[in-house]
Every structure is written in structure tokens, then in C-alpha cells.
Amino acid sequence: MEKKTFDRSCRDPLFDEVVAYARGHKRLTASGISEKFRIGFNRANRIIRQIEESGVLTQKESNNERIQD
């Protein structure tokens, strides 16, 4: 499988705010982001994928925790 590269020009306007929020939480979920930032679930999920692709957070583990770099 080919590894994707993160395209900064396509990131969501809330990207930096969500990253700052994520740094203080071990569990980062689309529903949590959706509620915190008052955005739709699909948008929140896209932001999580962007954060993973950027290398800020890892893929979620079996316990839903994400190890921060």
C-alpha cells in the first residue's frame, strides 16, 4: 500500500485548534470533537484523518487511545 503524504493546503480551518485540544487528551473521537467544536460528525472524522496523516497522532489502539508524537 502506498503511504499518503499530508497536503497542508487541504487541511480543515479548525485543524490547529483540534490539534491543540488533542494534545491534552488521550482519547480523541469524532463524536468528542463534534461536540466540543460544534461541527458535524463527518467533518470531525475528516479532521481526525488529517491529524493522523500529518503524523501528530497515531492510529487509535484497541482501547481508543492515541499515542502523541
Protein backbone atom coordinates (compact mmCIF):
# COMPACT_ATOMS: atom_id res chain seq x y z
CA MET A 1 0.00 0.00 0.00
CA GLU A 2 1.29 3.44 -0.90
CA LYS A 3 1.71 5.84 2.01
CA LYS A 4 -0.22 9.10 1.71
CA THR A 5 1.52 12.41 2.17
CA PHE A 6 -0.20 15.15 4.10
CA ASP A 7 -1.29 18.10 1.97
CA ARG A 8 -1.33 21.17 4.23
CA SER A 9 -3.31 23.21 1.69
CA CYS A 10 -6.32 20.90 2.11
CA ARG A 11 -6.46 20.84 5.88
CA ASP A 12 -9.56 21.95 7.71
CA PRO A 13 -9.65 25.51 9.14
CA LEU A 14 -10.13 24.00 12.62
CA PHE A 15 -7.09 21.71 12.25
CA ASP A 16 -4.77 23.67 14.57
CA GLU A 17 -7.45 24.12 17.24
CA VAL A 18 -8.30 20.43 17.23
CA VAL A 19 -4.60 19.50 17.41
CA ALA A 20 -4.20 21.76 20.45
CA TYR A 21 -7.27 20.13 22.01
CA ALA A 22 -5.96 16.64 21.16
CA ARG A 23 -2.62 17.21 22.85
CA GLY A 24 -4.38 17.30 26.21
CA HIS A 25 -6.49 14.19 25.68
CA LYS A 26 -5.51 10.54 25.26
CA ARG A 27 -8.83 9.66 23.65
CA LEU A 28 -9.73 11.59 20.55
CA THR A 29 -13.03 10.69 18.94
CA ALA A 30 -15.08 12.19 16.15
CA SER A 31 -18.07 12.47 18.47
CA GLY A 32 -15.96 14.30 21.08
CA ILE A 33 -14.61 16.74 18.51
CA SER A 34 -18.07 17.18 17.02
CA GLU A 35 -19.48 18.12 20.41
CA LYS A 36 -16.54 20.30 21.52
CA PHE A 37 -16.31 22.33 18.31
CA ARG A 38 -20.00 22.14 17.35
CA ILE A 39 -19.34 20.62 13.95
CA GLY A 40 -20.79 17.62 12.14
CA PHE A 41 -19.56 14.10 12.79
CA ASN A 42 -18.28 13.64 9.23
CA ARG A 43 -16.22 16.82 9.37
CA ALA A 44 -14.80 15.80 12.75
CA ASN A 45 -13.85 12.41 11.32
CA ARG A 46 -12.11 14.06 8.36
CA ILE A 47 -10.12 16.25 10.77
CA ILE A 48 -9.02 13.16 12.71
CA ARG A 49 -7.82 11.55 9.47
CA GLN A 50 -5.92 14.74 8.61
CA ILE A 51 -4.28 14.74 12.05
CA GLU A 52 -3.25 11.10 11.62
CA GLU A 53 -1.88 11.77 8.11
CA SER A 54 0.11 14.75 9.41
CA GLY A 55 1.82 12.50 11.95
CA VAL A 56 0.64 14.40 15.03
CA LEU A 57 -1.31 11.39 16.34
CA THR A 58 -1.11 7.69 15.67
CA GLN A 59 -3.93 5.43 14.58
CA LYS A 60 -6.17 4.54 17.50
CA GLU A 61 -5.28 1.47 19.50
CA SER A 62 -7.73 -1.18 20.72
CA ASN A 63 -8.54 0.91 23.81
CA ASN A 64 -9.21 4.03 21.64
CA GLU A 65 -6.13 5.79 22.98
CA ARG A 66 -3.79 7.59 20.63
CA ILE A 67 -0.10 7.98 21.31
CA GLN A 68 1.07 11.51 20.62
CA ASP A 69 4.41 12.11 18.95
